[in-house]
Amino acid sequence: MIPRGDLRISYRKKAMTKYLFIALGILSSAIAQMLLKKASALSFRDGLYYFYFCSAGVSYVVSFVLYTLILKYFPITKISPVMTLGTMTVVIILGVLIFHEIISIKQMIGIALGAVAIILIAS
């Protein structure tokens, strides 16, 4: 028989694992998009192009595997919008930080609305 305290720890670990999968899924999808952006700036003849391109493919595979695991724990009607909006938000932030892209006020409002949407959908 498992002591009651151990069940609570096990439940917390499982809950944290689910949310870790979501964060890693969003991050791996966003990284794949950043790698494709880097590849797009290079020539097909450049060996680095294939490195970025293949790395993006690996990152997408990781993202899809994590998404499959996430679907075990959450309804698709909740997790799909959360993953999409989360990835979109991370991509925009990384685009500004890494590629020095400029975002408009309209995009900032969209990010804020996306964050509100994630909160509403997930609750």
PDB file of N, CA and C in Angstrom:
ATOM      1  N   MET A   1       0.835  -1.188   0.000  1.00  0.00           N
ATOM      2  CA  MET A   1       0.000   0.000   0.000  1.00  0.00           C
ATOM      3  C   MET A   1       0.878   1.249   0.000  1.00  0.00           C
ATOM      4  N   ILE A   2       0.521   2.230  -0.823  1.00  0.00           N
ATOM      5  CA  ILE A   2       1.308   3.457  -0.937  1.00  0.00           C
ATOM      6  C   ILE A   2       0.807   4.465   0.086  1.00  0.00           C
ATOM      7  N   PRO A   3       1.726   5.067   0.862  1.00  0.00           N
ATOM      8  CA  PRO A   3       1.309   6.106   1.810  1.00  0.00           C
ATOM      9  C   PRO A   3       0.671   7.281   1.072  1.00  0.00           C
ATOM     10  N   ARG A   4      -0.277   7.926   1.717  1.00  0.00           N
ATOM     11  CA  ARG A   4      -1.023   9.029   1.115  1.00  0.00           C
ATOM     12  C   ARG A   4      -0.134  10.163   0.606  1.00  0.00           C
ATOM     13  N   GLY A   5       0.891  10.516   1.325  1.00  0.00           N
ATOM     14  CA  GLY A   5       1.798  11.587   0.921  1.00  0.00           C
ATOM     15  C   GLY A   5       2.480  11.285  -0.401  1.00  0.00           C
ATOM     16  N   ASP A   6       2.805  10.003  -0.640  1.00  0.00           N
ATOM     17  CA  ASP A   6       3.455   9.610  -1.887  1.00  0.00           C
ATOM     18  C   ASP A   6       2.521   9.780  -3.080  1.00  0.00           C
ATOM     19  N   LEU A   7       1.226   9.567  -2.877  1.00  0.00           N
ATOM     20  CA  LEU A   7       0.267   9.760  -3.969  1.00  0.00           C
ATOM     21  C   LEU A   7       0.210  11.215  -4.400  1.00  0.00           C
ATOM     22  N   ARG A   8       0.255  12.123  -3.419  1.00  0.00           N
ATOM     23  CA  ARG A   8       0.224  13.549  -3.761  1.00  0.00           C
ATOM     24  C   ARG A   8       1.474  13.956  -4.532  1.00  0.00           C
ATOM     25  N   ILE A   9       2.618  13.434  -4.126  1.00  0.00           N
ATOM     26  CA  ILE A   9       3.862  13.748  -4.841  1.00  0.00           C
ATOM     27  C   ILE A   9       3.792  13.190  -6.256  1.00  0.00           C
ATOM     28  N   SER A  10       3.292  11.972  -6.403  1.00  0.00           N
ATOM     29  CA  SER A  10       3.173  11.358  -7.719  1.00  0.00           C
ATOM     30  C   SER A  10       2.236  12.172  -8.604  1.00  0.00           C
ATOM     31  N   TYR A  11       1.117  12.636  -8.054  1.00  0.00           N
ATOM     32  CA  TYR A  11       0.161  13.442  -8.814  1.00  0.00           C
ATOM     33  C   TYR A  11       0.800  14.759  -9.242  1.00  0.00           C
ATOM     34  N   ARG A  12       1.547  15.387  -8.335  1.00  0.00           N
ATOM     35  CA  ARG A  12       2.203  16.659  -8.676  1.00  0.00           C
ATOM     36  C   ARG A  12       3.238  16.460  -9.775  1.00  0.00           C
ATOM     37  N   LYS A  13       4.002  15.377  -9.687  1.00  0.00           N
ATOM     38  CA  LYS A  13       5.005  15.105 -10.728  1.00  0.00           C
ATOM     39  C   LYS A  13       4.329  14.905 -12.079  1.00  0.00           C
ATOM     40  N   LYS A  14       3.218  14.164 -12.077  1.00  0.00           N
ATOM     41  CA  LYS A  14       2.496  13.920 -13.324  1.00  0.00           C
ATOM     42  C   LYS A  14       1.947  15.229 -13.884  1.00  0.00           C
ATOM     43  N   ALA A  15       1.398  16.059 -13.026  1.00  0.00           N
ATOM     44  CA  ALA A  15       0.858  17.351 -13.468  1.00  0.00           C
ATOM     45  C   ALA A  15       1.962  18.239 -14.015  1.00  0.00           C
ATOM     46  N   MET A  16       3.092  18.265 -13.331  1.00  0.00           N
ATOM     47  CA  MET A  16       4.211  19.095 -13.806  1.00  0.00           C
ATOM     48  C   MET A  16       4.748  18.564 -15.121  1.00  0.00           C
ATOM     49  N   THR A  17       4.767  17.244 -15.291  1.00  0.00           N
ATOM     50  CA  THR A  17       5.245  16.648 -16.534  1.00  0.00           C
ATOM     51  C   THR A  17       4.368  17.064 -17.706  1.00  0.00           C
ATOM     52  N   LYS A  18       3.050  17.087 -17.510  1.00  0.00           N
ATOM     53  CA  LYS A  18       2.132  17.495 -18.582  1.00  0.00           C
ATOM     54  C   LYS A  18       2.440  18.914 -19.044  1.00  0.00           C
ATOM     55  N   TYR A  19       2.638  19.811 -18.107  1.00  0.00           N
ATOM     56  CA  TYR A  19       2.888  21.207 -18.454  1.00  0.00           C
ATOM     57  C   TYR A  19       4.299  21.405 -19.005  1.00  0.00           C
ATOM     58  N   LEU A  20       5.227  20.570 -18.567  1.00  0.00           N
ATOM     59  CA  LEU A  20       6.571  20.602 -19.142  1.00  0.00           C
ATOM     60  C   LEU A  20       6.522  20.171 -20.604  1.00  0.00           C
ATOM     61  N   PHE A  21       5.724  19.147 -20.906  1.00  0.00           N
ATOM     62  CA  PHE A  21       5.557  18.711 -22.299  1.00  0.00           C
ATOM     63  C   PHE A  21       4.995  19.848 -23.154  1.00  0.00           C
ATOM     64  N   ILE A  22       4.036  20.587 -22.626  1.00  0.00           N
ATOM     65  CA  ILE A  22       3.457  21.724 -23.373  1.00  0.00           C
ATOM     66  C   ILE A  22       4.534  22.770 -23.651  1.00  0.00           C
ATOM     67  N   ALA A  23       5.279  23.157 -22.615  1.00  0.00           N
ATOM     68  CA  ALA A  23       6.323  24.174 -22.787  1.00  0.00           C
ATOM     69  C   ALA A  23       7.379  23.710 -23.788  1.00  0.00           C
ATOM     70  N   LEU A  24       7.809  22.459 -23.678  1.00  0.00           N
ATOM     71  CA  LEU A  24       8.821  21.939 -24.606  1.00  0.00           C
ATOM     72  C   LEU A  24       8.273  21.808 -26.020  1.00  0.00           C
ATOM     73  N   GLY A  25       6.994  21.453 -26.157  1.00  0.00           N
ATOM     74  CA  GLY A  25       6.375  21.359 -27.478  1.00  0.00           C
ATOM     75  C   GLY A  25       6.314  22.716 -28.164  1.00  0.00           C
ATOM     76  N   ILE A  26       5.913  23.723 -27.413  1.00  0.00           N
ATOM     77  CA  ILE A  26       5.861  25.083 -27.949  1.00  0.00           C
ATOM     78  C   ILE A  26       7.264  25.551 -28.319  1.00  0.00           C
ATOM     79  N   LEU A  27       8.209  25.327 -27.425  1.00  0.00           N
ATOM     80  CA  LEU A  27       9.585  25.776 -27.664  1.00  0.00           C
ATOM     81  C   LEU A  27      10.213  25.064 -28.860  1.00  0.00           C
ATOM     82  N   SER A  28      10.020  23.755 -28.982  1.00  0.00           N
ATOM     83  CA  SER A  28      10.626  23.030 -30.100  1.00  0.00           C
ATOM     84  C   SER A  28      10.025  23.456 -31.435  1.00  0.00           C
ATOM     85  N   SER A  29       8.732  23.745 -31.466  1.00  0.00           N
ATOM     86  CA  SER A  29       8.108  24.233 -32.701  1.00  0.00           C
ATOM     87  C   SER A  29       8.630  25.620 -33.056  1.00  0.00           C
ATOM     88  N   ALA A  30       8.775  26.483 -32.062  1.00  0.00           N
ATOM     89  CA  ALA A  30       9.299  27.834 -32.303  1.00  0.00           C
ATOM     90  C   ALA A  30      10.755  27.783 -32.759  1.00  0.00           C
ATOM     91  N   ILE A  31      11.541  26.910 -32.156  1.00  0.00           N
ATOM     92  CA  ILE A  31      12.949  26.770 -32.563  1.00  0.00           C
ATOM     93  C   ILE A  31      13.035  26.296 -34.006  1.00  0.00           C
ATOM     94  N   ALA A  32      12.164  25.368 -34.387  1.00  0.00           N
ATOM     95  CA  ALA A  32      12.158  24.889 -35.776  1.00  0.00           C
ATOM     96  C   ALA A  32      11.913  26.051 -36.739  1.00  0.00           C
ATOM     97  N   GLN A  33      10.998  26.927 -36.385  1.00  0.00           N
ATOM     98  CA  GLN A  33      10.718  28.069 -37.257  1.00  0.00           C
ATOM     99  C   GLN A  33      11.899  29.038 -37.318  1.00  0.00           C
ATOM    100  N   MET A  34      12.583  29.217 -36.213  1.00  0.00           N
ATOM    101  CA  MET A  34      13.776  30.083 -36.200  1.00  0.00           C
ATOM    102  C   MET A  34      14.879  29.487 -37.073  1.00  0.00           C
ATOM    103  N   LEU A  35      15.033  28.170 -36.999  1.00  0.00           N
ATOM    104  CA  LEU A  35      16.056  27.504 -37.818  1.00  0.00           C
ATOM    105  C   LEU A  35      15.724  27.608 -39.305  1.00  0.00           C
ATOM    106  N   LEU A  36      14.449  27.493 -39.647  1.00  0.00           N
ATOM    107  CA  LEU A  36      14.055  27.669 -41.049  1.00  0.00           C
ATOM    108  C   LEU A  36      14.300  29.095 -41.519  1.00  0.00           C
ATOM    109  N   LYS A  37      14.069  30.052 -40.647  1.00  0.00           N
ATOM    110  CA  LYS A  37      14.350  31.460 -40.987  1.00  0.00           C
ATOM    111  C   LYS A  37      15.842  31.646 -41.270  1.00  0.00           C
ATOM    112  N   LYS A  38      16.687  31.027 -40.422  1.00  0.00           N
ATOM    113  CA  LYS A  38      18.143  31.107 -40.641  1.00  0.00           C
ATOM    114  C   LYS A  38      18.518  30.451 -41.970  1.00  0.00           C
ATOM    115  N   ALA A  39      17.918  29.300 -42.259  1.00  0.00           N
ATOM    116  CA  ALA A  39      18.219  28.592 -43.503  1.00  0.00           C
ATOM    117  C   ALA A  39      17.804  29.409 -44.718  1.00  0.00           C
ATOM    118  N   SER A  40      16.705  30.132 -44.609  1.00  0.00           N
ATOM    119  CA  SER A  40      16.190  30.895 -45.748  1.00  0.00           C
ATOM    120  C   SER A  40      17.127  32.015 -46.175  1.00  0.00           C
ATOM    121  N   ALA A  41      18.005  32.434 -45.283  1.00  0.00           N
ATOM    122  CA  ALA A  41      18.948  33.506 -45.611  1.00  0.00           C
ATOM    123  C   ALA A  41      20.184  32.976 -46.336  1.00  0.00           C
ATOM    124  N   LEU A  42      20.305  31.659 -46.446  1.00  0.00           N
ATOM    125  CA  LEU A  42      21.496  31.046 -47.042  1.00  0.00           C
ATOM    126  C   LEU A  42      21.187  30.472 -48.417  1.00  0.00           C
ATOM    127  N   SER A  43      22.238  30.234 -49.181  1.00  0.00           N
ATOM    128  CA  SER A  43      22.112  29.623 -50.492  1.00  0.00           C
ATOM    129  C   SER A  43      22.011  28.100 -50.341  1.00  0.00           C
ATOM    130  N   PHE A  44      21.348  27.470 -51.321  1.00  0.00           N
ATOM    131  CA  PHE A  44      21.263  26.004 -51.311  1.00  0.00           C
ATOM    132  C   PHE A  44      22.649  25.370 -51.395  1.00  0.00           C
ATOM    133  N   ARG A  45      23.590  26.097 -51.952  1.00  0.00           N
ATOM    134  CA  ARG A  45      24.954  25.567 -52.106  1.00  0.00           C
ATOM    135  C   ARG A  45      25.758  25.636 -50.815  1.00  0.00           C
ATOM    136  N   ASP A  46      25.268  26.385 -49.862  1.00  0.00           N
ATOM    137  CA  ASP A  46      25.956  26.537 -48.577  1.00  0.00           C
ATOM    138  C   ASP A  46      25.622  25.337 -47.687  1.00  0.00           C
ATOM    139  N   GLY A  47      26.647  24.692 -47.162  1.00  0.00           N
ATOM    140  CA  GLY A  47      26.450  23.539 -46.297  1.00  0.00           C
ATOM    141  C   GLY A  47      25.679  23.871 -45.038  1.00  0.00           C
ATOM    142  N   LEU A  48      25.819  25.110 -44.574  1.00  0.00           N
ATOM    143  CA  LEU A  48      25.114  25.534 -43.365  1.00  0.00           C
ATOM    144  C   LEU A  48      23.599  25.563 -43.576  1.00  0.00           C
ATOM    145  N   TYR A  49      23.178  25.795 -44.828  1.00  0.00           N
ATOM    146  CA  TYR A  49      21.754  25.766 -45.150  1.00  0.00           C
ATOM    147  C   TYR A  49      21.163  24.417 -44.761  1.00  0.00           C
ATOM    148  N   TYR A  50      21.831  23.337 -45.147  1.00  0.00           N
ATOM    149  CA  TYR A  50      21.330  21.989 -44.864  1.00  0.00           C
ATOM    150  C   TYR A  50      21.369  21.666 -43.371  1.00  0.00           C
ATOM    151  N   PHE A  51      22.341  22.221 -42.678  1.00  0.00           N
ATOM    152  CA  PHE A  51      22.397  22.042 -41.224  1.00  0.00           C
ATOM    153  C   PHE A  51      21.166  22.658 -40.571  1.00  0.00           C
ATOM    154  N   TYR A  52      20.867  23.914 -40.919  1.00  0.00           N
ATOM    155  CA  TYR A  52      19.704  24.584 -40.348  1.00  0.00           C
ATOM    156  C   TYR A  52      18.406  23.888 -40.764  1.00  0.00           C
ATOM    157  N   PHE A  53      18.312  23.520 -42.030  1.00  0.00           N
ATOM    158  CA  PHE A  53      17.114  22.881 -42.554  1.00  0.00           C
ATOM    159  C   PHE A  53      16.847  21.544 -41.859  1.00  0.00           C
ATOM    160  N   CYS A  54      17.878  20.719 -41.755  1.00  0.00           N
ATOM    161  CA  CYS A  54      17.728  19.407 -41.105  1.00  0.00           C
ATOM    162  C   CYS A  54      17.480  19.549 -39.605  1.00  0.00           C
ATOM    163  N   SER A  55      18.131  20.514 -38.977  1.00  0.00           N
ATOM    164  CA  SER A  55      17.899  20.762 -37.552  1.00  0.00           C
ATOM    165  C   SER A  55      16.455  21.185 -37.305  1.00  0.00           C
ATOM    166  N   ALA A  56      15.911  21.984 -38.214  1.00  0.00           N
ATOM    167  CA  ALA A  56      14.500  22.389 -38.103  1.00  0.00           C
ATOM    168  C   ALA A  56      13.595  21.162 -38.219  1.00  0.00           C
ATOM    169  N   GLY A  57      13.929  20.258 -39.135  1.00  0.00           N
ATOM    170  CA  GLY A  57      13.148  19.032 -39.286  1.00  0.00           C
ATOM    171  C   GLY A  57      13.152  18.194 -38.019  1.00  0.00           C
ATOM    172  N   VAL A  58      14.325  18.060 -37.402  1.00  0.00           N
ATOM    173  CA  VAL A  58      14.436  17.314 -36.149  1.00  0.00           C
ATOM    174  C   VAL A  58      13.610  17.995 -35.064  1.00  0.00           C
ATOM    175  N   SER A  59      13.690  19.306 -35.012  1.00  0.00           N
ATOM    176  CA  SER A  59      12.934  20.047 -34.008  1.00  0.00           C
ATOM    177  C   SER A  59      11.431  19.879 -34.210  1.00  0.00           C
ATOM    178  N   TYR A  60      10.978  19.853 -35.453  1.00  0.00           N
ATOM    179  CA  TYR A  60       9.553  19.621 -35.720  1.00  0.00           C
ATOM    180  C   TYR A  60       9.135  18.204 -35.312  1.00  0.00           C
ATOM    181  N   VAL A  61       9.994  17.223 -35.567  1.00  0.00           N
ATOM    182  CA  VAL A  61       9.683  15.847 -35.157  1.00  0.00           C
ATOM    183  C   VAL A  61       9.538  15.784 -33.636  1.00  0.00           C
ATOM    184  N   VAL A  62      10.466  16.418 -32.917  1.00  0.00           N
ATOM    185  CA  VAL A  62      10.376  16.466 -31.458  1.00  0.00           C
ATOM    186  C   VAL A  62       9.063  17.120 -31.045  1.00  0.00           C
ATOM    187  N   SER A  63       8.712  18.209 -31.710  1.00  0.00           N
ATOM    188  CA  SER A  63       7.467  18.918 -31.414  1.00  0.00           C
ATOM    189  C   SER A  63       6.246  18.020 -31.622  1.00  0.00           C
ATOM    190  N   PHE A  64       6.215  17.269 -32.719  1.00  0.00           N
ATOM    191  CA  PHE A  64       5.081  16.382 -32.997  1.00  0.00           C
ATOM    192  C   PHE A  64       5.002  15.231 -31.997  1.00  0.00           C
ATOM    193  N   VAL A  65       6.147  14.693 -31.598  1.00  0.00           N
ATOM    194  CA  VAL A  65       6.150  13.626 -30.591  1.00  0.00           C
ATOM    195  C   VAL A  65       5.605  14.161 -29.266  1.00  0.00           C
ATOM    196  N   LEU A  66       6.067  15.336 -28.877  1.00  0.00           N
ATOM    197  CA  LEU A  66       5.569  15.941 -27.640  1.00  0.00           C
ATOM    198  C   LEU A  66       4.075  16.237 -27.742  1.00  0.00           C
ATOM    199  N   TYR A  67       3.628  16.708 -28.885  1.00  0.00           N
ATOM    200  CA  TYR A  67       2.204  17.008 -29.078  1.00  0.00           C
ATOM    201  C   TYR A  67       1.376  15.734 -28.933  1.00  0.00           C
ATOM    202  N   THR A  68       1.883  14.632 -29.471  1.00  0.00           N
ATOM    203  CA  THR A  68       1.197  13.358 -29.328  1.00  0.00           C
ATOM    204  C   THR A  68       1.071  12.961 -27.861  1.00  0.00           C
ATOM    205  N   LEU A  69       2.137  13.163 -27.101  1.00  0.00           N
ATOM    206  CA  LEU A  69       2.089  12.862 -25.670  1.00  0.00           C
ATOM    207  C   LEU A  69       1.118  13.794 -24.944  1.00  0.00           C
ATOM    208  N   ILE A  70       1.103  15.047 -25.325  1.00  0.00           N
ATOM    209  CA  ILE A  70       0.223  16.039 -24.699  1.00  0.00           C
ATOM    210  C   ILE A  70      -1.245  15.684 -24.918  1.00  0.00           C
ATOM    211  N   LEU A  71      -1.559  15.148 -26.100  1.00  0.00           N
ATOM    212  CA  LEU A  71      -2.942  14.798 -26.410  1.00  0.00           C
ATOM    213  C   LEU A  71      -3.494  13.700 -25.502  1.00  0.00           C
ATOM    214  N   LYS A  72      -2.611  12.945 -24.847  1.00  0.00           N
ATOM    215  CA  LYS A  72      -3.063  11.943 -23.869  1.00  0.00           C
ATOM    216  C   LYS A  72      -3.704  12.603 -22.652  1.00  0.00           C
ATOM    217  N   TYR A  73      -3.233  13.798 -22.319  1.00  0.00           N
ATOM    218  CA  TYR A  73      -3.615  14.443 -21.072  1.00  0.00           C
ATOM    219  C   TYR A  73      -4.659  15.546 -21.205  1.00  0.00           C
ATOM    220  N   PHE A  74      -4.813  16.117 -22.398  1.00  0.00           N
ATOM    221  CA  PHE A  74      -5.689  17.268 -22.572  1.00  0.00           C
ATOM    222  C   PHE A  74      -6.631  17.053 -23.754  1.00  0.00           C
ATOM    223  N   PRO A  75      -7.826  17.622 -23.685  1.00  0.00           N
ATOM    224  CA  PRO A  75      -8.721  17.564 -24.849  1.00  0.00           C
ATOM    225  C   PRO A  75      -8.142  18.408 -25.993  1.00  0.00           C
ATOM    226  N   ILE A  76      -8.305  17.929 -27.204  1.00  0.00           N
ATOM    227  CA  ILE A  76      -7.741  18.626 -28.367  1.00  0.00           C
ATOM    228  C   ILE A  76      -8.360  20.013 -28.530  1.00  0.00           C
ATOM    229  N   THR A  77      -9.603  20.184 -28.091  1.00  0.00           N
ATOM    230  CA  THR A  77     -10.260  21.490 -28.213  1.00  0.00           C
ATOM    231  C   THR A  77      -9.614  22.545 -27.329  1.00  0.00           C
ATOM    232  N   LYS A  78      -8.907  22.113 -26.297  1.00  0.00           N
ATOM    233  CA  LYS A  78      -8.203  23.063 -25.443  1.00  0.00           C
ATOM    234  C   LYS A  78      -6.731  23.178 -25.837  1.00  0.00           C
ATOM    235  N   ILE A  79      -6.083  22.052 -26.090  1.00  0.00           N
ATOM    236  CA  ILE A  79      -4.628  22.083 -26.237  1.00  0.00           C
ATOM    237  C   ILE A  79      -4.183  22.604 -27.607  1.00  0.00           C
ATOM    238  N   SER A  80      -4.954  22.344 -28.645  1.00  0.00           N
ATOM    239  CA  SER A  80      -4.547  22.819 -29.967  1.00  0.00           C
ATOM    240  C   SER A  80      -4.462  24.348 -30.033  1.00  0.00           C
ATOM    241  N   PRO A  81      -5.497  25.079 -29.580  1.00  0.00           N
ATOM    242  CA  PRO A  81      -5.365  26.545 -29.584  1.00  0.00           C
ATOM    243  C   PRO A  81      -4.253  27.046 -28.666  1.00  0.00           C
ATOM    244  N   VAL A  82      -4.086  26.399 -27.525  1.00  0.00           N
ATOM    245  CA  VAL A  82      -3.029  26.818 -26.598  1.00  0.00           C
ATOM    246  C   VAL A  82      -1.650  26.636 -27.241  1.00  0.00           C
ATOM    247  N   MET A  83      -1.435  25.490 -27.880  1.00  0.00           N
ATOM    248  CA  MET A  83      -0.141  25.230 -28.531  1.00  0.00           C
ATOM    249  C   MET A  83       0.086  26.210 -29.690  1.00  0.00           C
ATOM    250  N   THR A  84      -0.953  26.449 -30.475  1.00  0.00           N
ATOM    251  CA  THR A  84      -0.814  27.355 -31.621  1.00  0.00           C
ATOM    252  C   THR A  84      -0.519  28.782 -31.171  1.00  0.00           C
ATOM    253  N   LEU A  85      -1.305  29.280 -30.231  1.00  0.00           N
ATOM    254  CA  LEU A  85      -1.094  30.647 -29.742  1.00  0.00           C
ATOM    255  C   LEU A  85       0.226  30.771 -28.978  1.00  0.00           C
ATOM    256  N   GLY A  86       0.576  29.740 -28.227  1.00  0.00           N
ATOM    257  CA  GLY A  86       1.850  29.757 -27.502  1.00  0.00           C
ATOM    258  C   GLY A  86       3.035  29.803 -28.454  1.00  0.00           C
ATOM    259  N   THR A  87       2.980  28.975 -29.488  1.00  0.00           N
ATOM    260  CA  THR A  87       4.063  28.960 -30.483  1.00  0.00           C
ATOM    261  C   THR A  87       4.140  30.298 -31.199  1.00  0.00           C
ATOM    262  N   MET A  88       2.990  30.841 -31.581  1.00  0.00           N
ATOM    263  CA  MET A  88       2.955  32.136 -32.265  1.00  0.00           C
ATOM    264  C   MET A  88       3.607  33.218 -31.407  1.00  0.00           C
ATOM    265  N   THR A  89       3.266  33.230 -30.143  1.00  0.00           N
ATOM    266  CA  THR A  89       3.812  34.246 -29.238  1.00  0.00           C
ATOM    267  C   THR A  89       5.326  34.101 -29.093  1.00  0.00           C
ATOM    268  N   VAL A  90       5.790  32.877 -28.913  1.00  0.00           N
ATOM    269  CA  VAL A  90       7.235  32.646 -28.756  1.00  0.00           C
ATOM    270  C   VAL A  90       7.977  33.003 -30.042  1.00  0.00           C
ATOM    271  N   VAL A  91       7.408  32.661 -31.192  1.00  0.00           N
ATOM    272  CA  VAL A  91       8.047  32.991 -32.480  1.00  0.00           C
ATOM    273  C   VAL A  91       8.179  34.499 -32.640  1.00  0.00           C
ATOM    274  N   ILE A  92       7.140  35.237 -32.298  1.00  0.00           N
ATOM    275  CA  ILE A  92       7.211  36.700 -32.418  1.00  0.00           C
ATOM    276  C   ILE A  92       8.285  37.260 -31.492  1.00  0.00           C
ATOM    277  N   ILE A  93       8.307  36.789 -30.258  1.00  0.00           N
ATOM    278  CA  ILE A  93       9.313  37.274 -29.302  1.00  0.00           C
ATOM    279  C   ILE A  93      10.719  36.934 -29.771  1.00  0.00           C
ATOM    280  N   LEU A  94      10.929  35.695 -30.236  1.00  0.00           N
ATOM    281  CA  LEU A  94      12.260  35.305 -30.728  1.00  0.00           C
ATOM    282  C   LEU A  94      12.632  36.066 -31.997  1.00  0.00           C
ATOM    283  N   GLY A  95      11.640  36.335 -32.850  1.00  0.00           N
ATOM    284  CA  GLY A  95      11.911  37.119 -34.060  1.00  0.00           C
ATOM    285  C   GLY A  95      12.430  38.504 -33.724  1.00  0.00           C
ATOM    286  N   VAL A  96      11.869  39.104 -32.689  1.00  0.00           N
ATOM    287  CA  VAL A  96      12.326  40.426 -32.249  1.00  0.00           C
ATOM    288  C   VAL A  96      13.723  40.320 -31.626  1.00  0.00           C
ATOM    289  N   LEU A  97      13.924  39.330 -30.761  1.00  0.00           N
ATOM    290  CA  LEU A  97      15.202  39.206 -30.047  1.00  0.00           C
ATOM    291  C   LEU A  97      16.353  38.731 -30.930  1.00  0.00           C
ATOM    292  N   ILE A  98      16.084  37.759 -31.794  1.00  0.00           N
ATOM    293  CA  ILE A  98      17.164  37.157 -32.592  1.00  0.00           C
ATOM    294  C   ILE A  98      17.372  37.872 -33.917  1.00  0.00           C
ATOM    295  N   PHE A  99      16.272  38.164 -34.615  1.00  0.00           N
ATOM    296  CA  PHE A  99      16.380  38.737 -35.958  1.00  0.00           C
ATOM    297  C   PHE A  99      16.143  40.241 -35.979  1.00  0.00           C
ATOM    298  N   HIS A 100      15.932  40.828 -34.806  1.00  0.00           N
ATOM    299  CA  HIS A 100      15.730  42.268 -34.668  1.00  0.00           C
ATOM    300  C   HIS A 100      14.590  42.769 -35.545  1.00  0.00           C
ATOM    301  N   GLU A 101      13.562  41.933 -35.672  1.00  0.00           N
ATOM    302  CA  GLU A 101      12.383  42.348 -36.412  1.00  0.00           C
ATOM    303  C   GLU A 101      11.587  43.330 -35.555  1.00  0.00           C
ATOM    304  N   ILE A 102      10.872  44.187 -36.219  1.00  0.00           N
ATOM    305  CA  ILE A 102      10.092  45.206 -35.520  1.00  0.00           C
ATOM    306  C   ILE A 102       8.632  44.761 -35.531  1.00  0.00           C
ATOM    307  N   ILE A 103       7.999  44.856 -34.368  1.00  0.00           N
ATOM    308  CA  ILE A 103       6.580  44.512 -34.312  1.00  0.00           C
ATOM    309  C   ILE A 103       5.769  45.787 -34.108  1.00  0.00           C
ATOM    310  N   SER A 104       4.601  45.778 -34.695  1.00  0.00           N
ATOM    311  CA  SER A 104       3.733  46.958 -34.627  1.00  0.00           C
ATOM    312  C   SER A 104       2.884  46.917 -33.357  1.00  0.00           C
ATOM    313  N   ILE A 105       2.232  48.019 -33.113  1.00  0.00           N
ATOM    314  CA  ILE A 105       1.299  48.099 -31.983  1.00  0.00           C
ATOM    315  C   ILE A 105       0.196  47.057 -32.164  1.00  0.00           C
ATOM    316  N   LYS A 106      -0.261  46.906 -33.402  1.00  0.00           N
ATOM    317  CA  LYS A 106      -1.318  45.934 -33.700  1.00  0.00           C
ATOM    318  C   LYS A 106      -0.850  44.516 -33.336  1.00  0.00           C
ATOM    319  N   GLN A 107       0.413  44.179 -33.649  1.00  0.00           N
ATOM    320  CA  GLN A 107       0.943  42.861 -33.292  1.00  0.00           C
ATOM    321  C   GLN A 107       1.061  42.708 -31.776  1.00  0.00           C
ATOM    322  N   MET A 108       1.468  43.777 -31.083  1.00  0.00           N
ATOM    323  CA  MET A 108       1.553  43.731 -29.618  1.00  0.00           C
ATOM    324  C   MET A 108       0.181  43.474 -29.001  1.00  0.00           C
ATOM    325  N   ILE A 109      -0.821  44.133 -29.546  1.00  0.00           N
ATOM    326  CA  ILE A 109      -2.191  43.904 -29.069  1.00  0.00           C
ATOM    327  C   ILE A 109      -2.595  42.452 -29.347  1.00  0.00           C
ATOM    328  N   GLY A 110      -2.210  41.954 -30.513  1.00  0.00           N
ATOM    329  CA  GLY A 110      -2.500  40.558 -30.859  1.00  0.00           C
ATOM    330  C   GLY A 110      -1.838  39.576 -29.900  1.00  0.00           C
ATOM    331  N   ILE A 111      -0.604  39.863 -29.506  1.00  0.00           N
ATOM    332  CA  ILE A 111       0.093  39.017 -28.534  1.00  0.00           C
ATOM    333  C   ILE A 111      -0.656  39.037 -27.204  1.00  0.00           C
ATOM    334  N   ALA A 112      -1.050  40.219 -26.773  1.00  0.00           N
ATOM    335  CA  ALA A 112      -1.786  40.339 -25.507  1.00  0.00           C
ATOM    336  C   ALA A 112      -3.115  39.586 -25.585  1.00  0.00           C
ATOM    337  N   LEU A 113      -3.836  39.738 -26.693  1.00  0.00           N
ATOM    338  CA  LEU A 113      -5.095  39.015 -26.856  1.00  0.00           C
ATOM    339  C   LEU A 113      -4.864  37.505 -26.917  1.00  0.00           C
ATOM    340  N   GLY A 114      -3.759  37.098 -27.537  1.00  0.00           N
ATOM    341  CA  GLY A 114      -3.402  35.676 -27.578  1.00  0.00           C
ATOM    342  C   GLY A 114      -3.156  35.129 -26.186  1.00  0.00           C
ATOM    343  N   ALA A 115      -2.480  35.920 -25.348  1.00  0.00           N
ATOM    344  CA  ALA A 115      -2.232  35.497 -23.966  1.00  0.00           C
ATOM    345  C   ALA A 115      -3.542  35.370 -23.207  1.00  0.00           C
ATOM    346  N   VAL A 116      -4.442  36.327 -23.412  1.00  0.00           N
ATOM    347  CA  VAL A 116      -5.760  36.255 -22.771  1.00  0.00           C
ATOM    348  C   VAL A 116      -6.518  35.028 -23.275  1.00  0.00           C
ATOM    349  N   ALA A 117      -6.424  34.775 -24.577  1.00  0.00           N
ATOM    350  CA  ALA A 117      -7.113  33.610 -25.153  1.00  0.00           C
ATOM    351  C   ALA A 117      -6.575  32.311 -24.549  1.00  0.00           C
ATOM    352  N   ILE A 118      -5.270  32.212 -24.395  1.00  0.00           N
ATOM    353  CA  ILE A 118      -4.681  31.011 -23.793  1.00  0.00           C
ATOM    354  C   ILE A 118      -5.224  30.807 -22.382  1.00  0.00           C
ATOM    355  N   ILE A 119      -5.288  31.883 -21.619  1.00  0.00           N
ATOM    356  CA  ILE A 119      -5.791  31.787 -20.251  1.00  0.00           C
ATOM    357  C   ILE A 119      -7.251  31.354 -20.239  1.00  0.00           C
ATOM    358  N   LEU A 120      -8.052  31.951 -21.114  1.00  0.00           N
ATOM    359  CA  LEU A 120      -9.484  31.608 -21.158  1.00  0.00           C
ATOM    360  C   LEU A 120      -9.720  30.177 -21.636  1.00  0.00           C
ATOM    361  N   ILE A 121      -8.982  29.755 -22.651  1.00  0.00           N
ATOM    362  CA  ILE A 121      -9.164  28.409 -23.197  1.00  0.00           C
ATOM    363  C   ILE A 121      -8.692  27.349 -22.190  1.00  0.00           C
ATOM    364  N   ALA A 122      -7.587  27.620 -21.549  1.00  0.00           N
ATOM    365  CA  ALA A 122      -6.997  26.631 -20.639  1.00  0.00           C
ATOM    366  C   ALA A 122      -7.771  26.518 -19.331  1.00  0.00           C
ATOM    367  N   SER A 123      -8.545  27.535 -18.983  1.00  0.00           N
ATOM    368  CA  SER A 123      -9.247  27.474 -17.689  1.00  0.00           C
ATOM    369  C   SER A 123     -10.568  26.746 -17.765  1.00  0.00           C
TER     370      SER A 123
END
